[in-house]
Amino acid sequence: MNKKWYVAALLVLALVLSACGGDGGDDAVDTPTDEANGGEAEGEDAAGEEPSLDFVGPNGESPTSAEELQLTDEEMEEIRDGGYTAALVWHENSAFIQAVEQGVREQLDELGVEVVATTAAEFDAARQADNVSAVLAREPDIIITIAVDPTAAAEAFRPAVDAGVKIVVLTTPPADYTAGEEIVGIVTGELTGYGKAAAEMLGEEVGGQGEVGWLYHDADFWFTNQRDQAFVDWLNYLYPDMEIVAEEGFSDPARTEDIASAMLTRHADLTGIYVAWATAAEGVLSALRAAGRDDIKVVTNDLDAALATDMMQGGNVAGIVANPAVDTGRKLAVMAGYGVLDKEAPELAVVTPLGVTPDNIEEGWRTEFAEDPPADVTG
């Protein structure tokens, strides 16, 4: 987690937080995340000051509400007349990405843009590079993507840049790609809001007491890195009687079952676990079931049917932070429209997440997937 790009992003964030009142002085209290992040946790000090909800993009971009992404009727008609095509180059094929793609396809269809290819790299940077080469053979005008590894992606997407393809990014761009230059812009979620919502749901579920495990994304993803840290900041601030006693990073979601099993062996008194996102949380849930630990509560990000079902049945899952995934996809497609029109787009357009518990599963499901939850989730 000490890669140059991530460190630079955190330094910029630290400056923002300092300007908002955090002194970060000699009285700062160490947290369990110090070793993982190479220093003090962001946003919280010994005085107990409230963490900031401010954040910045991978290159210091300032967030703008995604609602500002708008096309006029005339602009939409111009796009329809252009006969444009698009390719979708994803990092994985999760329920979240499937919902994002649904929104992308719906909006592109309204704009008369044909999707000629869709790929998923399953977190393999080399595979994503191959996918880029494959879709470029289809000569798309637009690529909508999220980088598996920013450094590797910078080289992989260079032929697309050189060919004049309009690249729109979900959350993580190739390293040093700038909005208005190599890419049109970025669409993502309000990342500090995820961390706060997850902390609130876990703290409320366990009564603000106990020991916590923290499974963070140990890779150079500016969004997940800061989102994971926001959970720590808000947990420390809101629930001082809760302590993160176990922390483990992962880059491959398939390893989280083994990681969680080892964590349970070393820390039998855990009352809660945070996991960076839903696909990774499924492995943690398997480990808890295998150990017979129905007393440990889990919070994570991105609604998922299996995790939501467990939550609704009173299992380990206490809460899930939902993305407006379909709407995010629509905003990505609108930003692609900006690209083909050579219209200046926001550098970083953000949507607002929602903490989901059994009390608001219907609202949460509609927020994430733009439809009512299936019967097998709600029971």
Protein backbone atom coordinates (compact mmCIF):
# COMPACT_ATOMS: atom_id res chain seq x y z
CA MET A 1 0.00 0.00 0.00
CA ASN A 2 3.04 2.29 -0.12
CA LYS A 3 3.14 2.65 -3.87
CA LYS A 4 4.05 6.09 -5.08
CA TRP A 5 0.71 6.97 -6.62
CA TYR A 6 -1.31 5.99 -3.55
CA VAL A 7 1.08 7.81 -1.22
CA ALA A 8 0.82 10.94 -3.36
CA ALA A 9 -2.96 10.77 -3.24
CA LEU A 10 -2.93 10.40 0.55
CA LEU A 11 -0.55 13.35 0.91
CA VAL A 12 -2.94 15.52 -1.06
CA LEU A 13 -5.81 14.24 1.10
CA ALA A 14 -3.84 15.04 4.24
CA LEU A 15 -3.41 18.63 3.09
CA VAL A 16 -7.16 18.89 2.49
CA LEU A 17 -7.92 17.49 5.94
CA SER A 18 -5.41 19.84 7.55
CA ALA A 19 -7.09 22.80 5.94
CA CYS A 20 -10.39 21.59 7.44
CA GLY A 21 -9.05 21.80 11.00
CA GLY A 22 -7.14 18.57 11.80
CA ASP A 23 -3.79 19.54 13.32
CA GLY A 24 -2.05 16.14 12.95
CA GLY A 25 0.43 17.26 15.58
CA ASP A 26 2.54 15.49 18.17
CA ASP A 27 -0.51 14.43 20.18
CA ALA A 28 -1.80 12.16 17.41
CA VAL A 29 -2.70 8.66 18.57
CA ASP A 30 -1.33 5.66 16.69
CA THR A 31 -3.94 3.30 15.23
CA PRO A 32 -3.70 -0.33 14.09
CA THR A 33 -3.42 0.93 10.51
CA ASP A 34 -0.11 2.75 11.06
CA GLU A 35 2.09 -0.09 9.86
CA ALA A 36 -0.09 -0.82 6.84
CA ASN A 37 -0.17 2.80 5.71
CA GLY A 38 3.31 3.90 6.73
CA GLY A 39 2.17 6.51 9.23
CA GLU A 40 -0.71 7.91 11.22
CA ALA A 41 -4.26 7.20 10.12
CA GLU A 42 -5.82 10.04 8.17
CA GLY A 43 -8.49 12.32 9.59
CA GLU A 44 -8.50 11.52 13.33
CA ASP A 45 -6.21 12.66 16.18
CA ALA A 46 -5.94 12.47 19.95
CA ALA A 47 -8.37 15.37 20.33
CA GLY A 48 -11.05 13.23 18.68
CA GLU A 49 -11.80 15.69 15.91
CA GLU A 50 -14.38 14.60 13.38
CA PRO A 51 -12.86 13.14 10.21
CA SER A 52 -13.44 15.13 7.05
CA LEU A 53 -15.69 13.85 4.30
CA ASP A 54 -13.54 15.68 1.75
CA PHE A 55 -11.49 13.61 -0.67
CA VAL A 56 -9.62 13.98 -3.93
CA GLY A 57 -9.14 11.93 -7.06
CA PRO A 58 -6.00 10.02 -8.06
CA ASN A 59 -4.39 13.15 -9.49
CA GLY A 60 -5.89 15.60 -7.00
CA GLU A 61 -9.17 16.06 -8.89
CA SER A 62 -11.96 17.81 -6.98
CA PRO A 63 -15.29 15.95 -6.85
CA THR A 64 -18.34 17.26 -8.68
CA SER A 65 -21.88 15.87 -8.31
CA ALA A 66 -22.62 13.43 -11.13
CA GLU A 67 -25.98 15.15 -11.48
CA GLU A 68 -24.15 17.90 -13.35
CA LEU A 69 -23.47 15.48 -16.21
CA GLN A 70 -26.19 16.49 -18.64
CA LEU A 71 -26.69 16.39 -22.41
CA THR A 72 -29.16 18.61 -24.24
CA ASP A 73 -31.65 17.18 -26.71
CA GLU A 74 -29.62 18.70 -29.53
CA GLU A 75 -26.41 17.10 -28.25
CA MET A 76 -28.07 13.71 -27.92
CA GLU A 77 -29.34 13.95 -31.48
CA GLU A 78 -25.86 14.84 -32.69
CA ILE A 79 -24.46 11.75 -30.99
CA ARG A 80 -27.16 9.56 -32.55
CA ASP A 81 -26.25 10.88 -35.96
CA GLY A 82 -22.57 10.04 -35.41
CA GLY A 83 -22.89 6.25 -35.63
CA TYR A 84 -20.46 5.76 -32.73
CA THR A 85 -19.40 2.45 -31.18
CA ALA A 86 -18.14 1.58 -27.71
CA ALA A 87 -16.20 -1.19 -25.94
CA LEU A 88 -16.40 -2.01 -22.23
CA VAL A 89 -13.14 -3.12 -20.61
CA TRP A 90 -13.81 -4.10 -16.97
CA HIS A 91 -11.54 -5.32 -14.19
CA GLU A 92 -13.95 -8.06 -13.01
CA ASN A 93 -17.45 -9.41 -13.59
CA SER A 94 -19.11 -8.86 -10.20
CA ALA A 95 -22.78 -8.11 -9.54
CA PHE A 96 -21.77 -4.46 -9.17
CA ILE A 97 -20.08 -4.35 -12.58
CA GLN A 98 -23.01 -6.16 -14.17
CA ALA A 99 -25.32 -3.45 -12.80
CA VAL A 100 -22.97 -0.70 -13.98
CA GLU A 101 -22.89 -2.28 -17.43
CA GLN A 102 -26.68 -2.41 -17.47
CA GLY A 103 -26.78 1.36 -16.92
CA VAL A 104 -24.06 1.95 -19.52
CA ARG A 105 -25.89 -0.09 -22.14
CA GLU A 106 -29.24 1.53 -21.42
CA GLN A 107 -27.85 5.04 -21.79
CA LEU A 108 -25.68 4.23 -24.81
CA ASP A 109 -28.72 2.70 -26.49
CA GLU A 110 -30.60 5.96 -25.94
CA LEU A 111 -27.66 7.76 -27.54
CA GLY A 112 -27.58 5.39 -30.53
CA VAL A 113 -24.12 4.08 -29.59
CA GLU A 114 -23.49 0.38 -30.33
CA VAL A 115 -21.54 -1.72 -27.81
CA VAL A 116 -19.22 -3.87 -29.92
CA ALA A 117 -17.30 -5.65 -27.14
CA THR A 118 -17.28 -6.24 -23.38
CA THR A 119 -14.48 -7.89 -21.42
CA ALA A 120 -13.54 -8.71 -17.81
CA ALA A 121 -9.94 -9.18 -16.64
CA GLU A 122 -10.69 -10.78 -13.25
CA PHE A 123 -8.03 -8.56 -11.64
CA ASP A 124 -5.30 -9.74 -14.00
CA ALA A 125 -3.39 -6.78 -15.46
CA ALA A 126 -1.88 -8.85 -18.28
CA ARG A 127 -5.30 -10.14 -19.21
CA GLN A 128 -6.65 -6.60 -19.29
CA ALA A 129 -3.84 -5.58 -21.63
CA ASP A 130 -4.83 -8.44 -23.93
CA ASN A 131 -8.46 -7.33 -23.69
CA VAL A 132 -7.54 -3.79 -24.73
CA SER A 133 -5.70 -5.12 -27.78
CA ALA A 134 -8.65 -7.34 -28.68
CA VAL A 135 -11.27 -4.58 -28.47
CA LEU A 136 -9.11 -2.11 -30.39
CA ALA A 137 -9.37 -4.50 -33.33
CA ARG A 138 -13.07 -3.59 -33.35
CA GLU A 139 -12.12 0.09 -33.78
CA PRO A 140 -14.43 1.54 -31.12
CA ASP A 141 -14.88 5.28 -30.78
CA ILE A 142 -15.32 4.94 -27.01
CA ILE A 143 -13.80 2.73 -24.30
CA ILE A 144 -15.37 2.65 -20.84
CA THR A 145 -13.04 1.01 -18.35
CA ILE A 146 -11.52 0.68 -14.89
CA ALA A 147 -7.81 -0.10 -14.60
CA VAL A 148 -6.75 -3.33 -12.90
CA ASP A 149 -3.28 -1.94 -12.24
CA PRO A 150 -2.79 1.77 -12.99
CA THR A 151 0.88 1.47 -13.94
CA ALA A 152 0.37 -1.47 -16.29
CA ALA A 153 -2.77 0.12 -17.72
CA ALA A 154 -0.88 3.27 -18.67
CA GLU A 155 1.02 1.24 -21.25
CA ALA A 156 -1.88 -1.03 -22.17
CA PHE A 157 -4.22 1.83 -23.06
CA ARG A 158 -1.62 3.97 -24.86
CA PRO A 159 -2.57 2.57 -28.31
CA ALA A 160 -6.17 3.60 -27.62
CA VAL A 161 -5.06 7.11 -26.69
CA ASP A 162 -2.91 7.31 -29.83
CA ALA A 163 -5.87 6.18 -31.94
CA GLY A 164 -8.03 8.98 -30.55
CA VAL A 165 -10.43 6.69 -28.69
CA LYS A 166 -12.46 8.52 -26.05
CA ILE A 167 -11.69 6.79 -22.75
CA VAL A 168 -14.13 7.16 -19.85
CA VAL A 169 -13.09 5.77 -16.46
CA LEU A 170 -15.00 4.11 -13.66
CA THR A 171 -13.07 5.04 -10.51
CA THR A 172 -9.47 4.08 -11.38
CA PRO A 173 -7.66 5.48 -14.44
CA PRO A 174 -4.32 4.43 -15.87
CA ALA A 175 -1.45 6.13 -14.05
CA ASP A 176 -0.86 9.77 -15.01
CA TYR A 177 -3.84 9.87 -17.37
CA THR A 178 -5.46 13.28 -17.03
CA ALA A 179 -9.09 14.30 -17.52
CA GLY A 180 -9.49 16.32 -20.69
CA GLU A 181 -6.32 14.80 -22.15
CA GLU A 182 -5.83 11.03 -22.23
CA ILE A 183 -9.26 10.40 -20.67
CA VAL A 184 -12.57 12.25 -20.80
CA GLY A 185 -13.06 12.02 -17.03
CA ILE A 186 -13.84 9.76 -14.06
CA VAL A 187 -17.18 8.69 -12.56
CA THR A 188 -17.14 7.15 -9.09
CA GLY A 189 -18.75 7.10 -5.64
CA GLU A 190 -18.38 9.49 -2.74
CA LEU A 191 -15.71 7.35 -1.13
CA THR A 192 -15.58 8.83 2.38
CA GLY A 193 -19.34 8.33 2.61
CA TYR A 194 -18.80 4.57 2.19
CA GLY A 195 -16.34 4.43 5.09
CA LYS A 196 -18.60 6.39 7.41
CA ALA A 197 -21.68 4.31 6.57
CA ALA A 198 -19.82 1.02 7.11
CA ALA A 199 -18.48 2.20 10.47
CA GLU A 200 -21.92 3.32 11.60
CA MET A 201 -23.58 0.04 10.65
CA LEU A 202 -20.97 -2.12 12.36
CA GLY A 203 -20.83 0.03 15.49
CA GLU A 204 -24.60 0.03 15.87
CA GLU A 205 -24.86 -3.71 15.31
CA VAL A 206 -22.31 -4.63 18.01
CA GLY A 207 -23.27 -1.93 20.49
CA GLY A 208 -20.17 0.18 20.00
CA GLN A 209 -17.95 -2.35 21.78
CA GLY A 210 -15.40 -4.99 20.89
CA GLU A 211 -12.50 -6.00 18.70
CA VAL A 212 -12.56 -5.59 14.94
CA GLY A 213 -10.76 -7.15 11.98
CA TRP A 214 -9.94 -4.98 8.95
CA LEU A 215 -9.46 -6.61 5.53
CA TYR A 216 -8.30 -3.83 3.24
CA HIS A 217 -7.47 -3.78 -0.46
CA ASP A 218 -3.69 -4.07 -0.64
CA ALA A 219 -3.25 -2.68 -4.15
CA ASP A 220 -2.80 0.67 -5.86
CA PHE A 221 -6.49 1.61 -6.13
CA TRP A 222 -6.84 5.23 -5.02
CA PHE A 223 -10.55 4.76 -4.34
CA THR A 224 -10.51 1.58 -2.26
CA ASN A 225 -7.37 2.70 -0.43
CA GLN A 226 -9.03 5.89 0.79
CA ARG A 227 -12.42 4.22 1.30
CA ASP A 228 -10.87 1.54 3.51
CA GLN A 229 -9.05 4.21 5.50
CA ALA A 230 -12.27 6.23 5.89
CA PHE A 231 -13.82 3.24 7.67
CA VAL A 232 -10.96 3.26 10.17
CA ASP A 233 -11.16 7.01 10.71
CA TRP A 234 -14.90 7.01 11.34
CA LEU A 235 -14.84 3.87 13.51
CA ASN A 236 -12.16 5.42 15.72
CA TYR A 237 -14.11 8.66 15.97
CA LEU A 238 -17.64 7.32 16.43
CA TYR A 239 -16.86 4.26 18.56
CA PRO A 240 -13.81 4.79 20.79
CA ASP A 241 -14.58 1.54 22.64
CA MET A 242 -14.07 -0.46 19.46
CA GLU A 243 -10.51 -1.41 18.53
CA ILE A 244 -9.06 -2.72 15.28
CA VAL A 245 -6.84 -5.55 16.53
CA ALA A 246 -6.31 -7.45 13.27
CA GLU A 247 -5.53 -6.06 9.84
CA GLU A 248 -4.75 -7.94 6.65
CA GLY A 249 -4.45 -6.79 3.08
CA PHE A 250 -5.47 -8.67 -0.04
CA SER A 251 -5.16 -8.10 -3.75
CA ASP A 252 -6.89 -11.32 -4.86
CA PRO A 253 -10.46 -11.65 -3.52
CA ALA A 254 -10.18 -15.42 -3.84
CA ARG A 255 -7.72 -15.44 -0.91
CA THR A 256 -9.95 -13.81 1.69
CA GLU A 257 -11.35 -17.08 3.05
CA ASP A 258 -7.85 -18.24 4.00
CA ILE A 259 -6.95 -14.80 5.34
CA ALA A 260 -10.08 -14.66 7.48
CA SER A 261 -9.54 -18.19 8.79
CA ALA A 262 -6.05 -17.29 9.95
CA MET A 263 -7.34 -14.06 11.48
CA LEU A 264 -9.95 -15.98 13.50
CA THR A 265 -7.27 -18.33 14.80
CA ARG A 266 -5.16 -15.45 16.07
CA HIS A 267 -8.02 -13.27 17.31
CA ALA A 268 -10.81 -15.42 18.74
CA ASP A 269 -12.53 -12.46 20.43
CA LEU A 270 -13.43 -10.55 17.27
CA THR A 271 -16.92 -9.07 17.22
CA GLY A 272 -16.79 -7.55 13.75
CA ILE A 273 -14.92 -7.57 10.43
CA TYR A 274 -14.76 -4.94 7.69
CA VAL A 275 -14.06 -6.21 4.16
CA ALA A 276 -13.23 -3.89 1.26
CA TRP A 277 -16.01 -5.13 -1.04
CA ALA A 278 -18.65 -7.81 -1.49
CA THR A 279 -16.82 -10.35 -3.67
CA ALA A 280 -14.03 -10.46 -1.10
CA ALA A 281 -16.55 -10.59 1.75
CA GLU A 282 -18.00 -13.84 0.40
CA GLY A 283 -14.75 -15.60 1.29
CA VAL A 284 -14.85 -14.12 4.80
CA LEU A 285 -18.43 -15.32 5.20
CA SER A 286 -17.35 -18.84 4.20
CA ALA A 287 -14.58 -18.78 6.80
CA LEU A 288 -16.97 -17.65 9.53
CA ARG A 289 -19.46 -20.38 8.68
CA ALA A 290 -16.75 -23.03 8.64
CA ALA A 291 -15.63 -21.88 12.09
CA GLY A 292 -19.18 -21.78 13.44
CA ARG A 293 -18.81 -18.08 14.28
CA ASP A 294 -22.28 -16.65 13.84
CA ASP A 295 -21.44 -14.06 16.52
CA ILE A 296 -19.04 -12.06 14.31
CA LYS A 297 -20.65 -9.34 12.22
CA VAL A 298 -19.44 -8.25 8.78
CA VAL A 299 -19.79 -4.98 6.87
CA THR A 300 -18.69 -4.41 3.30
CA ASN A 301 -19.38 -2.43 0.13
CA ASP A 302 -21.44 -3.23 -3.02
CA LEU A 303 -24.76 -5.02 -2.68
CA ASP A 304 -24.62 -8.71 -3.52
CA ALA A 305 -27.50 -11.20 -3.51
CA ALA A 306 -25.73 -13.86 -1.44
CA LEU A 307 -24.57 -11.39 1.20
CA ALA A 308 -27.91 -9.59 1.26
CA THR A 309 -29.70 -12.91 1.78
CA ASP A 310 -27.42 -13.72 4.70
CA MET A 311 -28.13 -10.28 6.17
CA MET A 312 -31.90 -10.65 5.80
CA GLN A 313 -31.76 -14.07 7.49
CA GLY A 314 -29.96 -12.66 10.52
CA GLY A 315 -26.57 -14.12 9.60
CA ASN A 316 -23.10 -12.64 9.87
CA VAL A 317 -23.66 -9.71 7.52
CA ALA A 318 -24.71 -6.61 9.46
CA GLY A 319 -24.78 -4.13 6.59
CA ILE A 320 -23.66 -3.41 3.05
CA VAL A 321 -22.95 -0.01 1.53
CA ALA A 322 -24.82 0.24 -1.76
CA ASN A 323 -23.70 2.05 -4.87
CA PRO A 324 -26.15 3.61 -7.28
CA ALA A 325 -24.61 1.20 -9.79
CA VAL A 326 -27.07 1.47 -12.67
CA ASP A 327 -27.08 5.25 -12.40
CA THR A 328 -23.28 5.22 -12.28
CA GLY A 329 -23.31 3.31 -15.56
CA ARG A 330 -25.66 5.85 -17.08
CA LYS A 331 -23.38 8.68 -16.00
CA LEU A 332 -20.39 6.91 -17.56
CA ALA A 333 -22.28 6.73 -20.84
CA VAL A 334 -23.26 10.40 -20.64
CA MET A 335 -19.62 11.29 -20.05
CA ALA A 336 -18.76 9.24 -23.14
CA GLY A 337 -21.17 11.50 -24.99
CA TYR A 338 -19.19 14.47 -23.77
CA GLY A 339 -16.11 12.81 -25.22
CA VAL A 340 -17.37 12.31 -28.75
CA LEU A 341 -18.75 15.85 -28.73
CA ASP A 342 -15.42 17.23 -27.46
CA LYS A 343 -17.40 18.82 -24.63
CA GLU A 344 -15.49 19.51 -21.42
CA ALA A 345 -16.57 17.08 -18.70
CA PRO A 346 -16.13 17.19 -14.91
CA GLU A 347 -12.78 15.71 -13.92
CA LEU A 348 -14.35 13.59 -11.17
CA ALA A 349 -18.13 13.10 -11.10
CA VAL A 350 -19.41 11.37 -7.94
CA VAL A 351 -22.58 9.58 -6.88
CA THR A 352 -23.76 9.15 -3.27
CA PRO A 353 -23.74 5.69 -1.59
CA LEU A 354 -26.29 4.33 0.90
CA GLY A 355 -25.79 2.13 3.96
CA VAL A 356 -28.16 -0.85 3.68
CA THR A 357 -29.49 -2.97 6.56
CA PRO A 358 -32.59 -5.18 6.79
CA ASP A 359 -34.58 -2.04 7.60
CA ASN A 360 -34.03 -0.45 4.17
CA ILE A 361 -33.21 -3.34 1.84
CA GLU A 362 -35.86 -2.32 -0.69
CA GLU A 363 -34.50 1.22 -0.95
CA GLY A 364 -30.94 -0.07 -1.09
CA TRP A 365 -31.64 -2.60 -3.81
CA ARG A 366 -33.35 0.02 -5.93
CA THR A 367 -30.39 2.35 -5.33
CA GLU A 368 -27.88 -0.25 -6.51
CA PHE A 369 -29.80 -2.07 -9.23
CA ALA A 370 -32.72 0.22 -10.11
CA GLU A 371 -35.24 -2.56 -9.38
CA ASP A 372 -36.98 -4.22 -6.44
CA PRO A 373 -35.03 -6.93 -4.57
CA PRO A 374 -35.74 -10.52 -5.62
CA ALA A 375 -37.92 -12.69 -3.40
CA ASP A 376 -35.04 -15.00 -2.50
CA VAL A 377 -33.27 -12.01 -0.90
CA THR A 378 -36.17 -10.61 1.07
CA GLY A 379 -37.55 -14.02 2.01
